[in-house]
Amino acid sequence: MDAPNYMLSNILVLVLGFGCYFLGILVRCKGFPGPKTPRLSQQLWMSILVAPLTLGAMVPVIQASMTSLGSALLMIGLIIEQGAVVNETATAVFQQAMQGRGSIPPATPN
């Protein structure tokens, strides 16, 4: 007897996770922009770096929570929130560091 193939469900979880993360970015940028919200293009570029770090810790929990609708909806909401808040904060900190005003010192050649 062959073992079940979980490839399709794993791909679905990754697509769902990244889709919800990017939805959070869109909601923050277009629906509820703050006075210093970075541009959408900047946040999308930054999300290439931040999304795998954020979602990497959540993927096992997402897969475990798929048996319960309430748990799955809670995880989806959490990922959307992470896309809205974490990505904007990371983009703002990165911009400040690039301008030399942030807490992260800019790279200098030796």
PDB file of N, CA and C in Angstrom:
ATOM      1  N   MET A   1       0.834  -1.179   0.000  1.00  0.00           N
ATOM      2  CA  MET A   1       0.000   0.000   0.000  1.00  0.00           C
ATOM      3  C   MET A   1       0.885   1.252   0.000  1.00  0.00           C
ATOM      4  N   ASP A   2       0.564   2.164  -0.865  1.00  0.00           N
ATOM      5  CA  ASP A   2       1.342   3.403  -0.976  1.00  0.00           C
ATOM      6  C   ASP A   2       0.994   4.367   0.149  1.00  0.00           C
ATOM      7  N   ALA A   3       2.003   5.109   0.572  1.00  0.00           N
ATOM      8  CA  ALA A   3       1.781   6.152   1.574  1.00  0.00           C
ATOM      9  C   ALA A   3       1.073   7.330   0.910  1.00  0.00           C
ATOM     10  N   PRO A   4       0.237   8.041   1.653  1.00  0.00           N
ATOM     11  CA  PRO A   4      -0.448   9.189   1.051  1.00  0.00           C
ATOM     12  C   PRO A   4       0.534  10.275   0.643  1.00  0.00           C
ATOM     13  N   ASN A   5       0.206  10.963  -0.426  1.00  0.00           N
ATOM     14  CA  ASN A   5       1.045  12.040  -0.932  1.00  0.00           C
ATOM     15  C   ASN A   5       0.509  13.366  -0.395  1.00  0.00           C
ATOM     16  N   TYR A   6       1.307  14.031   0.394  1.00  0.00           N
ATOM     17  CA  TYR A   6       0.897  15.291   0.999  1.00  0.00           C
ATOM     18  C   TYR A   6       1.429  16.499   0.243  1.00  0.00           C
ATOM     19  N   MET A   7       1.967  16.309  -0.936  1.00  0.00           N
ATOM     20  CA  MET A   7       2.559  17.397  -1.700  1.00  0.00           C
ATOM     21  C   MET A   7       1.534  18.485  -2.009  1.00  0.00           C
ATOM     22  N   LEU A   8       0.342  18.098  -2.454  1.00  0.00           N
ATOM     23  CA  LEU A   8      -0.680  19.092  -2.793  1.00  0.00           C
ATOM     24  C   LEU A   8      -1.109  19.895  -1.576  1.00  0.00           C
ATOM     25  N   SER A   9      -1.306  19.237  -0.436  1.00  0.00           N
ATOM     26  CA  SER A   9      -1.712  19.974   0.760  1.00  0.00           C
ATOM     27  C   SER A   9      -0.588  20.884   1.258  1.00  0.00           C
ATOM     28  N   ASN A  10       0.656  20.447   1.132  1.00  0.00           N
ATOM     29  CA  ASN A  10       1.783  21.301   1.540  1.00  0.00           C
ATOM     30  C   ASN A  10       1.878  22.542   0.651  1.00  0.00           C
ATOM     31  N   ILE A  11       1.708  22.368  -0.648  1.00  0.00           N
ATOM     32  CA  ILE A  11       1.733  23.508  -1.567  1.00  0.00           C
ATOM     33  C   ILE A  11       0.569  24.449  -1.270  1.00  0.00           C
ATOM     34  N   LEU A  12      -0.598  23.892  -0.986  1.00  0.00           N
ATOM     35  CA  LEU A  12      -1.763  24.717  -0.660  1.00  0.00           C
ATOM     36  C   LEU A  12      -1.525  25.542   0.600  1.00  0.00           C
ATOM     37  N   VAL A  13      -0.914  24.937   1.603  1.00  0.00           N
ATOM     38  CA  VAL A  13      -0.618  25.662   2.842  1.00  0.00           C
ATOM     39  C   VAL A  13       0.358  26.805   2.575  1.00  0.00           C
ATOM     40  N   LEU A  14       1.378  26.569   1.773  1.00  0.00           N
ATOM     41  CA  LEU A  14       2.335  27.639   1.458  1.00  0.00           C
ATOM     42  C   LEU A  14       1.689  28.758   0.645  1.00  0.00           C
ATOM     43  N   VAL A  15       0.902  28.400  -0.356  1.00  0.00           N
ATOM     44  CA  VAL A  15       0.231  29.417  -1.172  1.00  0.00           C
ATOM     45  C   VAL A  15      -0.760  30.214  -0.325  1.00  0.00           C
ATOM     46  N   LEU A  16      -1.509  29.515   0.521  1.00  0.00           N
ATOM     47  CA  LEU A  16      -2.458  30.193   1.402  1.00  0.00           C
ATOM     48  C   LEU A  16      -1.734  31.124   2.370  1.00  0.00           C
ATOM     49  N   GLY A  17      -0.620  30.653   2.934  1.00  0.00           N
ATOM     50  CA  GLY A  17       0.133  31.473   3.880  1.00  0.00           C
ATOM     51  C   GLY A  17       0.690  32.736   3.246  1.00  0.00           C
ATOM     52  N   PHE A  18       1.350  32.594   2.097  1.00  0.00           N
ATOM     53  CA  PHE A  18       1.907  33.768   1.423  1.00  0.00           C
ATOM     54  C   PHE A  18       0.796  34.687   0.915  1.00  0.00           C
ATOM     55  N   GLY A  19      -0.281  34.117   0.423  1.00  0.00           N
ATOM     56  CA  GLY A  19      -1.411  34.940  -0.039  1.00  0.00           C
ATOM     57  C   GLY A  19      -2.003  35.773   1.088  1.00  0.00           C
ATOM     58  N   CYS A  20      -2.178  35.159   2.258  1.00  0.00           N
ATOM     59  CA  CYS A  20      -2.710  35.903   3.410  1.00  0.00           C
ATOM     60  C   CYS A  20      -1.725  36.965   3.881  1.00  0.00           C
ATOM     61  N   TYR A  21      -0.444  36.663   3.841  1.00  0.00           N
ATOM     62  CA  TYR A  21       0.575  37.637   4.248  1.00  0.00           C
ATOM     63  C   TYR A  21       0.530  38.862   3.332  1.00  0.00           C
ATOM     64  N   PHE A  22       0.470  38.623   2.019  1.00  0.00           N
ATOM     65  CA  PHE A  22       0.412  39.741   1.073  1.00  0.00           C
ATOM     66  C   PHE A  22      -0.915  40.483   1.170  1.00  0.00           C
ATOM     67  N   LEU A  23      -1.993  39.778   1.505  1.00  0.00           N
ATOM     68  CA  LEU A  23      -3.277  40.447   1.736  1.00  0.00           C
ATOM     69  C   LEU A  23      -3.170  41.420   2.909  1.00  0.00           C
ATOM     70  N   GLY A  24      -2.461  41.020   3.949  1.00  0.00           N
ATOM     71  CA  GLY A  24      -2.249  41.910   5.089  1.00  0.00           C
ATOM     72  C   GLY A  24      -1.501  43.175   4.696  1.00  0.00           C
ATOM     73  N   ILE A  25      -0.515  43.035   3.807  1.00  0.00           N
ATOM     74  CA  ILE A  25       0.218  44.202   3.322  1.00  0.00           C
ATOM     75  C   ILE A  25      -0.719  45.130   2.546  1.00  0.00           C
ATOM     76  N   LEU A  26      -1.540  44.556   1.681  1.00  0.00           N
ATOM     77  CA  LEU A  26      -2.481  45.369   0.900  1.00  0.00           C
ATOM     78  C   LEU A  26      -3.509  46.064   1.786  1.00  0.00           C
ATOM     79  N   VAL A  27      -4.025  45.354   2.785  1.00  0.00           N
ATOM     80  CA  VAL A  27      -5.005  45.951   3.697  1.00  0.00           C
ATOM     81  C   VAL A  27      -4.394  47.133   4.427  1.00  0.00           C
ATOM     82  N   ARG A  28      -3.159  46.973   4.890  1.00  0.00           N
ATOM     83  CA  ARG A  28      -2.508  48.068   5.622  1.00  0.00           C
ATOM     84  C   ARG A  28      -2.199  49.255   4.710  1.00  0.00           C
ATOM     85  N   CYS A  29      -1.682  48.978   3.518  1.00  0.00           N
ATOM     86  CA  CYS A  29      -1.273  50.074   2.621  1.00  0.00           C
ATOM     87  C   CYS A  29      -2.461  50.803   2.012  1.00  0.00           C
ATOM     88  N   LYS A  30      -3.465  50.081   1.595  1.00  0.00           N
ATOM     89  CA  LYS A  30      -4.588  50.692   0.879  1.00  0.00           C
ATOM     90  C   LYS A  30      -5.791  50.964   1.759  1.00  0.00           C
ATOM     91  N   GLY A  31      -6.052  50.109   2.739  1.00  0.00           N
ATOM     92  CA  GLY A  31      -7.245  50.271   3.567  1.00  0.00           C
ATOM     93  C   GLY A  31      -7.034  51.137   4.787  1.00  0.00           C
ATOM     94  N   PHE A  32      -5.923  50.946   5.475  1.00  0.00           N
ATOM     95  CA  PHE A  32      -5.659  51.653   6.727  1.00  0.00           C
ATOM     96  C   PHE A  32      -4.242  52.216   6.751  1.00  0.00           C
ATOM     97  N   PRO A  33      -3.907  53.097   5.822  1.00  0.00           N
ATOM     98  CA  PRO A  33      -2.538  53.621   5.826  1.00  0.00           C
ATOM     99  C   PRO A  33      -2.318  54.567   6.998  1.00  0.00           C
ATOM    100  N   GLY A  34      -1.133  54.488   7.584  1.00  0.00           N
ATOM    101  CA  GLY A  34      -0.747  55.403   8.646  1.00  0.00           C
ATOM    102  C   GLY A  34      -0.062  56.620   8.064  1.00  0.00           C
ATOM    103  N   PRO A  35       0.280  57.580   8.904  1.00  0.00           N
ATOM    104  CA  PRO A  35       0.930  58.790   8.387  1.00  0.00           C
ATOM    105  C   PRO A  35       2.310  58.519   7.795  1.00  0.00           C
ATOM    106  N   LYS A  36       2.992  57.485   8.251  1.00  0.00           N
ATOM    107  CA  LYS A  36       4.331  57.182   7.739  1.00  0.00           C
ATOM    108  C   LYS A  36       4.398  55.792   7.117  1.00  0.00           C
ATOM    109  N   THR A  37       3.283  55.307   6.596  1.00  0.00           N
ATOM    110  CA  THR A  37       3.270  53.988   5.964  1.00  0.00           C
ATOM    111  C   THR A  37       4.126  54.015   4.709  1.00  0.00           C
ATOM    112  N   PRO A  38       5.099  53.105   4.596  1.00  0.00           N
ATOM    113  CA  PRO A  38       5.924  53.060   3.381  1.00  0.00           C
ATOM    114  C   PRO A  38       5.087  52.712   2.156  1.00  0.00           C
ATOM    115  N   ARG A  39       5.617  53.032   0.982  1.00  0.00           N
ATOM    116  CA  ARG A  39       4.903  52.742  -0.262  1.00  0.00           C
ATOM    117  C   ARG A  39       4.690  51.236  -0.411  1.00  0.00           C
ATOM    118  N   LEU A  40       3.639  50.885  -1.150  1.00  0.00           N
ATOM    119  CA  LEU A  40       3.299  49.487  -1.375  1.00  0.00           C
ATOM    120  C   LEU A  40       4.449  48.741  -2.037  1.00  0.00           C
ATOM    121  N   SER A  41       5.084  49.363  -3.020  1.00  0.00           N
ATOM    122  CA  SER A  41       6.187  48.692  -3.721  1.00  0.00           C
ATOM    123  C   SER A  41       7.341  48.385  -2.770  1.00  0.00           C
ATOM    124  N   GLN A  42       7.643  49.300  -1.856  1.00  0.00           N
ATOM    125  CA  GLN A  42       8.717  49.060  -0.891  1.00  0.00           C
ATOM    126  C   GLN A  42       8.360  47.907   0.037  1.00  0.00           C
ATOM    127  N   GLN A  43       7.113  47.864   0.467  1.00  0.00           N
ATOM    128  CA  GLN A  43       6.705  46.793   1.379  1.00  0.00           C
ATOM    129  C   GLN A  43       6.680  45.440   0.678  1.00  0.00           C
ATOM    130  N   LEU A  44       6.291  45.425  -0.595  1.00  0.00           N
ATOM    131  CA  LEU A  44       6.292  44.158  -1.321  1.00  0.00           C
ATOM    132  C   LEU A  44       7.710  43.638  -1.518  1.00  0.00           C
ATOM    133  N   TRP A  45       8.656  44.536  -1.821  1.00  0.00           N
ATOM    134  CA  TRP A  45      10.048  44.102  -1.956  1.00  0.00           C
ATOM    135  C   TRP A  45      10.580  43.597  -0.617  1.00  0.00           C
ATOM    136  N   MET A  46      10.258  44.291   0.458  1.00  0.00           N
ATOM    137  CA  MET A  46      10.733  43.885   1.779  1.00  0.00           C
ATOM    138  C   MET A  46      10.109  42.563   2.204  1.00  0.00           C
ATOM    139  N   SER A  47       8.893  42.302   1.751  1.00  0.00           N
ATOM    140  CA  SER A  47       8.219  41.066   2.157  1.00  0.00           C
ATOM    141  C   SER A  47       8.907  39.829   1.593  1.00  0.00           C
ATOM    142  N   ILE A  48       9.684  39.993   0.531  1.00  0.00           N
ATOM    143  CA  ILE A  48      10.446  38.857   0.004  1.00  0.00           C
ATOM    144  C   ILE A  48      11.431  38.367   1.067  1.00  0.00           C
ATOM    145  N   LEU A  49      11.940  39.274   1.872  1.00  0.00           N
ATOM    146  CA  LEU A  49      12.865  38.901   2.941  1.00  0.00           C
ATOM    147  C   LEU A  49      12.149  38.497   4.224  1.00  0.00           C
ATOM    148  N   VAL A  50      11.056  39.166   4.547  1.00  0.00           N
ATOM    149  CA  VAL A  50      10.413  38.990   5.842  1.00  0.00           C
ATOM    150  C   VAL A  50       9.405  37.845   5.850  1.00  0.00           C
ATOM    151  N   ALA A  51       8.669  37.648   4.779  1.00  0.00           N
ATOM    152  CA  ALA A  51       7.607  36.640   4.755  1.00  0.00           C
ATOM    153  C   ALA A  51       8.118  35.226   5.048  1.00  0.00           C
ATOM    154  N   PRO A  52       9.207  34.768   4.434  1.00  0.00           N
ATOM    155  CA  PRO A  52       9.653  33.408   4.771  1.00  0.00           C
ATOM    156  C   PRO A  52      10.046  33.246   6.243  1.00  0.00           C
ATOM    157  N   LEU A  53      10.611  34.292   6.831  1.00  0.00           N
ATOM    158  CA  LEU A  53      10.969  34.212   8.252  1.00  0.00           C
ATOM    159  C   LEU A  53       9.728  34.126   9.124  1.00  0.00           C
ATOM    160  N   THR A  54       8.728  34.920   8.801  1.00  0.00           N
ATOM    161  CA  THR A  54       7.503  34.924   9.586  1.00  0.00           C
ATOM    162  C   THR A  54       6.701  33.650   9.381  1.00  0.00           C
ATOM    163  N   LEU A  55       6.549  33.249   8.128  1.00  0.00           N
ATOM    164  CA  LEU A  55       5.717  32.088   7.837  1.00  0.00           C
ATOM    165  C   LEU A  55       6.408  30.774   8.163  1.00  0.00           C
ATOM    166  N   GLY A  56       7.725  30.759   8.174  1.00  0.00           N
ATOM    167  CA  GLY A  56       8.440  29.529   8.471  1.00  0.00           C
ATOM    168  C   GLY A  56       8.082  28.954   9.830  1.00  0.00           C
ATOM    169  N   ALA A  57       7.886  29.818  10.794  1.00  0.00           N
ATOM    170  CA  ALA A  57       7.503  29.357  12.128  1.00  0.00           C
ATOM    171  C   ALA A  57       6.024  28.977  12.200  1.00  0.00           C
ATOM    172  N   MET A  58       5.223  29.495  11.287  1.00  0.00           N
ATOM    173  CA  MET A  58       3.782  29.262  11.351  1.00  0.00           C
ATOM    174  C   MET A  58       3.302  28.068  10.530  1.00  0.00           C
ATOM    175  N   VAL A  59       4.066  27.629   9.562  1.00  0.00           N
ATOM    176  CA  VAL A  59       3.608  26.555   8.668  1.00  0.00           C
ATOM    177  C   VAL A  59       3.258  25.277   9.433  1.00  0.00           C
ATOM    178  N   PRO A  60       4.069  24.801  10.394  1.00  0.00           N
ATOM    179  CA  PRO A  60       3.660  23.598  11.121  1.00  0.00           C
ATOM    180  C   PRO A  60       2.352  23.785  11.897  1.00  0.00           C
ATOM    181  N   VAL A  61       2.149  24.977  12.433  1.00  0.00           N
ATOM    182  CA  VAL A  61       0.918  25.249  13.178  1.00  0.00           C
ATOM    183  C   VAL A  61      -0.272  25.310  12.234  1.00  0.00           C
ATOM    184  N   ILE A  62      -0.072  25.885  11.048  1.00  0.00           N
ATOM    185  CA  ILE A  62      -1.149  25.936  10.060  1.00  0.00           C
ATOM    186  C   ILE A  62      -1.561  24.527   9.673  1.00  0.00           C
ATOM    187  N   GLN A  63      -0.601  23.662   9.403  1.00  0.00           N
ATOM    188  CA  GLN A  63      -0.925  22.299   9.005  1.00  0.00           C
ATOM    189  C   GLN A  63      -1.649  21.553  10.117  1.00  0.00           C
ATOM    190  N   ALA A  64      -1.256  21.779  11.353  1.00  0.00           N
ATOM    191  CA  ALA A  64      -1.917  21.106  12.471  1.00  0.00           C
ATOM    192  C   ALA A  64      -3.313  21.658  12.726  1.00  0.00           C
ATOM    193  N   SER A  65      -3.535  22.925  12.401  1.00  0.00           N
ATOM    194  CA  SER A  65      -4.827  23.543  12.690  1.00  0.00           C
ATOM    195  C   SER A  65      -5.858  23.347  11.584  1.00  0.00           C
ATOM    196  N   MET A  66      -5.483  22.732  10.488  1.00  0.00           N
ATOM    197  CA  MET A  66      -6.411  22.567   9.370  1.00  0.00           C
ATOM    198  C   MET A  66      -7.555  21.595   9.673  1.00  0.00           C
ATOM    199  N   THR A  67      -7.486  20.877  10.774  1.00  0.00           N
ATOM    200  CA  THR A  67      -8.564  19.951  11.111  1.00  0.00           C
ATOM    201  C   THR A  67      -9.742  20.663  11.760  1.00  0.00           C
ATOM    202  N   SER A  68      -9.546  21.866  12.234  1.00  0.00           N
ATOM    203  CA  SER A  68     -10.598  22.632  12.894  1.00  0.00           C
ATOM    204  C   SER A  68     -10.774  23.966  12.164  1.00  0.00           C
ATOM    205  N   LEU A  69     -11.998  24.282  11.787  1.00  0.00           N
ATOM    206  CA  LEU A  69     -12.266  25.525  11.067  1.00  0.00           C
ATOM    207  C   LEU A  69     -11.913  26.745  11.907  1.00  0.00           C
ATOM    208  N   GLY A  70     -12.248  26.725  13.176  1.00  0.00           N
ATOM    209  CA  GLY A  70     -11.939  27.855  14.050  1.00  0.00           C
ATOM    210  C   GLY A  70     -10.451  28.104  14.173  1.00  0.00           C
ATOM    211  N   SER A  71      -9.687  27.034  14.337  1.00  0.00           N
ATOM    212  CA  SER A  71      -8.228  27.168  14.434  1.00  0.00           C
ATOM    213  C   SER A  71      -7.631  27.663  13.124  1.00  0.00           C
ATOM    214  N   ALA A  72      -8.147  27.151  12.017  1.00  0.00           N
ATOM    215  CA  ALA A  72      -7.631  27.572  10.706  1.00  0.00           C
ATOM    216  C   ALA A  72      -7.919  29.052  10.471  1.00  0.00           C
ATOM    217  N   LEU A  73      -9.120  29.507  10.793  1.00  0.00           N
ATOM    218  CA  LEU A  73      -9.454  30.924  10.615  1.00  0.00           C
ATOM    219  C   LEU A  73      -8.621  31.808  11.529  1.00  0.00           C
ATOM    220  N   LEU A  74      -8.358  31.344  12.733  1.00  0.00           N
ATOM    221  CA  LEU A  74      -7.505  32.102  13.651  1.00  0.00           C
ATOM    222  C   LEU A  74      -6.093  32.248  13.086  1.00  0.00           C
ATOM    223  N   MET A  75      -5.543  31.177  12.536  1.00  0.00           N
ATOM    224  CA  MET A  75      -4.197  31.235  11.949  1.00  0.00           C
ATOM    225  C   MET A  75      -4.174  32.132  10.719  1.00  0.00           C
ATOM    226  N   ILE A  76      -5.208  32.065   9.896  1.00  0.00           N
ATOM    227  CA  ILE A  76      -5.270  32.927   8.706  1.00  0.00           C
ATOM    228  C   ILE A  76      -5.310  34.394   9.129  1.00  0.00           C
ATOM    229  N   GLY A  77      -6.112  34.704  10.138  1.00  0.00           N
ATOM    230  CA  GLY A  77      -6.168  36.076  10.656  1.00  0.00           C
ATOM    231  C   GLY A  77      -4.842  36.536  11.227  1.00  0.00           C
ATOM    232  N   LEU A  78      -4.149  35.632  11.900  1.00  0.00           N
ATOM    233  CA  LEU A  78      -2.841  35.969  12.467  1.00  0.00           C
ATOM    234  C   LEU A  78      -1.817  36.258  11.373  1.00  0.00           C
ATOM    235  N   ILE A  79      -1.857  35.484  10.304  1.00  0.00           N
ATOM    236  CA  ILE A  79      -0.917  35.710   9.200  1.00  0.00           C
ATOM    237  C   ILE A  79      -1.217  37.038   8.513  1.00  0.00           C
ATOM    238  N   ILE A  80      -2.494  37.366   8.320  1.00  0.00           N
ATOM    239  CA  ILE A  80      -2.856  38.654   7.726  1.00  0.00           C
ATOM    240  C   ILE A  80      -2.354  39.790   8.609  1.00  0.00           C
ATOM    241  N   GLU A  81      -2.520  39.646   9.916  1.00  0.00           N
ATOM    242  CA  GLU A  81      -2.055  40.672  10.852  1.00  0.00           C
ATOM    243  C   GLU A  81      -0.540  40.807  10.799  1.00  0.00           C
ATOM    244  N   GLN A  82       0.166  39.695  10.704  1.00  0.00           N
ATOM    245  CA  GLN A  82       1.617  39.741  10.609  1.00  0.00           C
ATOM    246  C   GLN A  82       2.055  40.461   9.333  1.00  0.00           C
ATOM    247  N   GLY A  83       1.356  40.225   8.237  1.00  0.00           N
ATOM    248  CA  GLY A  83       1.675  40.922   6.999  1.00  0.00           C
ATOM    249  C   GLY A  83       1.457  42.415   7.110  1.00  0.00           C
ATOM    250  N   ALA A  84       0.434  42.818   7.863  1.00  0.00           N
ATOM    251  CA  ALA A  84       0.128  44.239   7.997  1.00  0.00           C
ATOM    252  C   ALA A  84       1.098  44.943   8.940  1.00  0.00           C
ATOM    253  N   VAL A  85       1.439  44.314  10.048  1.00  0.00           N
ATOM    254  CA  VAL A  85       2.195  45.000  11.092  1.00  0.00           C
ATOM    255  C   VAL A  85       3.701  44.740  10.991  1.00  0.00           C
ATOM    256  N   VAL A  86       4.081  43.484  10.930  1.00  0.00           N
ATOM    257  CA  VAL A  86       5.508  43.142  10.948  1.00  0.00           C
ATOM    258  C   VAL A  86       6.217  43.686   9.720  1.00  0.00           C
ATOM    259  N   ASN A  87       5.607  43.526   8.567  1.00  0.00           N
ATOM    260  CA  ASN A  87       6.267  43.952   7.346  1.00  0.00           C
ATOM    261  C   ASN A  87       6.432  45.469   7.294  1.00  0.00           C
ATOM    262  N   GLU A  88       5.422  46.214   7.742  1.00  0.00           N
ATOM    263  CA  GLU A  88       5.545  47.672   7.744  1.00  0.00           C
ATOM    264  C   GLU A  88       6.637  48.127   8.703  1.00  0.00           C
ATOM    265  N   THR A  89       6.704  47.506   9.864  1.00  0.00           N
ATOM    266  CA  THR A  89       7.734  47.857  10.836  1.00  0.00           C
ATOM    267  C   THR A  89       9.125  47.537  10.294  1.00  0.00           C
ATOM    268  N   ALA A  90       9.278  46.366   9.694  1.00  0.00           N
ATOM    269  CA  ALA A  90      10.575  45.982   9.140  1.00  0.00           C
ATOM    270  C   ALA A  90      10.993  46.924   8.015  1.00  0.00           C
ATOM    271  N   THR A  91      10.037  47.320   7.176  1.00  0.00           N
ATOM    272  CA  THR A  91      10.346  48.244   6.086  1.00  0.00           C
ATOM    273  C   THR A  91      10.776  49.606   6.635  1.00  0.00           C
ATOM    274  N   ALA A  92      10.074  50.093   7.654  1.00  0.00           N
ATOM    275  CA  ALA A  92      10.422  51.392   8.239  1.00  0.00           C
ATOM    276  C   ALA A  92      11.802  51.356   8.894  1.00  0.00           C
ATOM    277  N   VAL A  93      12.110  50.284   9.623  1.00  0.00           N
ATOM    278  CA  VAL A  93      13.424  50.162  10.259  1.00  0.00           C
ATOM    279  C   VAL A  93      14.522  50.083   9.205  1.00  0.00           C
ATOM    280  N   PHE A  94      14.278  49.349   8.142  1.00  0.00           N
ATOM    281  CA  PHE A  94      15.261  49.221   7.065  1.00  0.00           C
ATOM    282  C   PHE A  94      15.493  50.564   6.379  1.00  0.00           C
ATOM    283  N   GLN A  95      14.417  51.329   6.155  1.00  0.00           N
ATOM    284  CA  GLN A  95      14.568  52.653   5.541  1.00  0.00           C
ATOM    285  C   GLN A  95      15.388  53.574   6.431  1.00  0.00           C
ATOM    286  N   GLN A  96      15.122  53.552   7.734  1.00  0.00           N
ATOM    287  CA  GLN A  96      15.887  54.390   8.655  1.00  0.00           C
ATOM    288  C   GLN A  96      17.356  53.984   8.676  1.00  0.00           C
ATOM    289  N   ALA A  97      17.611  52.686   8.633  1.00  0.00           N
ATOM    290  CA  ALA A  97      18.992  52.220   8.630  1.00  0.00           C
ATOM    291  C   ALA A  97      19.710  52.640   7.358  1.00  0.00           C
ATOM    292  N   MET A  98      19.004  52.624   6.243  1.00  0.00           N
ATOM    293  CA  MET A  98      19.619  53.029   4.982  1.00  0.00           C
ATOM    294  C   MET A  98      19.917  54.533   4.963  1.00  0.00           C
ATOM    295  N   GLN A  99      19.151  55.314   5.711  1.00  0.00           N
ATOM    296  CA  GLN A  99      19.379  56.749   5.776  1.00  0.00           C
ATOM    297  C   GLN A  99      20.347  57.119   6.897  1.00  0.00           C
ATOM    298  N   GLY A 100      20.786  56.126   7.660  1.00  0.00           N
ATOM    299  CA  GLY A 100      21.745  56.372   8.731  1.00  0.00           C
ATOM    300  C   GLY A 100      21.132  56.895  10.008  1.00  0.00           C
ATOM    301  N   ARG A 101      19.797  56.802  10.152  1.00  0.00           N
ATOM    302  CA  ARG A 101      19.146  57.311  11.355  1.00  0.00           C
ATOM    303  C   ARG A 101      18.634  56.207  12.254  1.00  0.00           C
ATOM    304  N   GLY A 102      18.760  54.971  11.855  1.00  0.00           N
ATOM    305  CA  GLY A 102      18.145  53.882  12.591  1.00  0.00           C
ATOM    306  C   GLY A 102      19.049  53.289  13.642  1.00  0.00           C
ATOM    307  N   SER A 103      18.499  52.302  14.330  1.00  0.00           N
ATOM    308  CA  SER A 103      19.258  51.617  15.356  1.00  0.00           C
ATOM    309  C   SER A 103      20.198  50.583  14.761  1.00  0.00           C
ATOM    310  N   ILE A 104      20.010  50.237  13.495  1.00  0.00           N
ATOM    311  CA  ILE A 104      20.903  49.299  12.839  1.00  0.00           C
ATOM    312  C   ILE A 104      21.952  50.116  12.093  1.00  0.00           C
ATOM    313  N   PRO A 105      23.222  49.947  12.422  1.00  0.00           N
ATOM    314  CA  PRO A 105      24.237  50.753  11.728  1.00  0.00           C
ATOM    315  C   PRO A 105      24.353  50.318  10.275  1.00  0.00           C
ATOM    316  N   PRO A 106      24.498  51.284   9.358  1.00  0.00           N
ATOM    317  CA  PRO A 106      24.667  50.906   7.958  1.00  0.00           C
ATOM    318  C   PRO A 106      26.014  50.246   7.732  1.00  0.00           C
ATOM    319  N   ALA A 107      26.053  49.396   6.726  1.00  0.00           N
ATOM    320  CA  ALA A 107      27.305  48.698   6.412  1.00  0.00           C
ATOM    321  C   ALA A 107      28.312  49.698   5.851  1.00  0.00           C
ATOM    322  N   THR A 108      29.529  49.606   6.319  1.00  0.00           N
ATOM    323  CA  THR A 108      30.590  50.497   5.833  1.00  0.00           C
ATOM    324  C   THR A 108      31.733  49.637   5.342  1.00  0.00           C
ATOM    325  N   PRO A 109      32.334  49.991   4.213  1.00  0.00           N
ATOM    326  CA  PRO A 109      33.475  49.215   3.721  1.00  0.00           C
ATOM    327  C   PRO A 109      34.698  49.456   4.596  1.00  0.00           C
ATOM    328  N   ASN A 110      35.495  48.436   4.743  1.00  0.00           N
ATOM    329  CA  ASN A 110      36.730  48.549   5.548  1.00  0.00           C
ATOM    330  C   ASN A 110      37.890  49.019   4.718  1.00  0.00           C
TER     331      ASN A 110
END
